[in-house]
């Protein structure tokens, strides 16, 4: 499963927000660091105890391109959904 983060250029580096999950945001000095941080932020956001009843919205269909500044961020298979 893949979620999508909209990338924004900052004065120094970048920041990104998950399109589907309000409040799931991260930053990085480079796009490579931003990608790693987005994976960590997403998996932390989605981590819930096995007995949790929280339902997260499913990812939307996006086309990730450099021009659109959208990052494709995969969910770690070990994160309970």
Protein backbone atom coordinates (compact mmCIF):
# COMPACT_ATOMS: atom_id res chain seq x y z
CA UNK A 1 0.00 0.00 0.00
CA UNK A 2 1.28 3.45 -0.90
CA UNK A 3 0.26 6.87 0.43
CA UNK A 4 1.12 10.17 -1.22
CA UNK A 5 2.90 13.23 0.19
CA UNK A 6 2.74 16.67 -1.42
CA UNK A 7 6.21 18.25 -1.42
CA UNK A 8 6.83 21.91 -0.66
CA UNK A 9 10.10 23.82 -1.07
CA UNK A 10 11.18 25.69 2.05
CA UNK A 11 13.89 28.35 2.47
CA UNK A 12 16.23 25.56 3.53
CA UNK A 13 15.18 22.13 2.31
CA UNK A 14 11.72 20.68 1.88
CA UNK A 15 8.65 19.71 3.82
CA UNK A 16 5.82 17.36 2.88
CA UNK A 17 2.29 16.58 3.98
CA UNK A 18 0.37 13.36 3.44
CA UNK A 19 -2.53 13.96 1.07
CA UNK A 20 -4.79 11.41 2.78
CA UNK A 21 -3.79 11.70 6.46
CA UNK A 22 -4.34 15.12 8.04
CA UNK A 23 -1.48 16.08 10.34
CA UNK A 24 1.02 13.57 8.94
CA UNK A 25 3.92 15.84 7.93
CA UNK A 26 7.69 15.78 7.81
CA UNK A 27 10.71 17.71 6.52
CA UNK A 28 14.18 17.12 5.13
CA UNK A 29 17.21 19.01 3.88
CA UNK A 30 17.24 17.02 0.61
CA UNK A 31 14.60 15.13 -1.37
CA UNK A 32 16.31 11.86 -0.42
CA UNK A 33 16.13 12.72 3.27
CA UNK A 34 12.54 13.86 2.83
CA UNK A 35 11.62 10.47 1.33
CA UNK A 36 13.18 8.60 4.28
CA UNK A 37 11.53 10.92 6.78
CA UNK A 38 8.14 10.56 5.04
CA UNK A 39 8.37 6.78 5.35
CA UNK A 40 9.16 7.10 9.05
CA UNK A 41 6.38 9.67 9.61
CA UNK A 42 3.79 7.59 7.73
CA UNK A 43 4.57 4.35 9.52
CA UNK A 44 4.61 6.09 12.89
CA UNK A 45 1.27 7.74 12.12
CA UNK A 46 -0.32 4.44 11.09
CA UNK A 47 1.08 2.40 14.00
CA UNK A 48 -1.76 1.32 16.24
CA UNK A 49 -2.11 -1.53 18.75
CA UNK A 50 -3.56 -4.71 17.25
CA UNK A 51 -6.82 -4.23 19.18
CA UNK A 52 -7.28 -0.64 17.93
CA UNK A 53 -10.52 0.28 16.18
CA UNK A 54 -9.04 3.30 14.38
CA UNK A 55 -9.79 3.28 10.64
CA UNK A 56 -7.49 5.32 8.43
CA UNK A 57 -8.57 6.56 5.01
CA UNK A 58 -7.29 4.46 2.13
CA UNK A 59 -4.77 6.01 -0.24
CA UNK A 60 -6.08 7.92 -3.22
CA UNK A 61 -4.96 7.31 -6.79
CA UNK A 62 -2.23 9.76 -7.72
CA UNK A 63 0.40 9.84 -10.40
CA UNK A 64 3.70 10.62 -8.71
CA UNK A 65 6.01 12.70 -10.86
CA UNK A 66 8.76 15.18 -10.12
CA UNK A 67 6.75 17.86 -11.89
CA UNK A 68 3.77 17.39 -9.57
CA UNK A 69 6.01 17.18 -6.48
CA UNK A 70 4.22 14.14 -5.10
CA UNK A 71 6.15 11.47 -3.19
CA UNK A 72 4.98 7.87 -3.24
CA UNK A 73 5.51 6.53 0.28
CA UNK A 74 5.04 2.81 0.93
CA UNK A 75 3.59 1.49 4.18
CA UNK A 76 5.88 -0.91 6.02
CA UNK A 77 4.29 -4.41 5.79
CA UNK A 78 4.76 -4.83 9.55
CA UNK A 79 2.50 -1.88 10.33
CA UNK A 80 -0.94 -3.20 11.32
CA UNK A 81 -3.75 -1.78 9.20
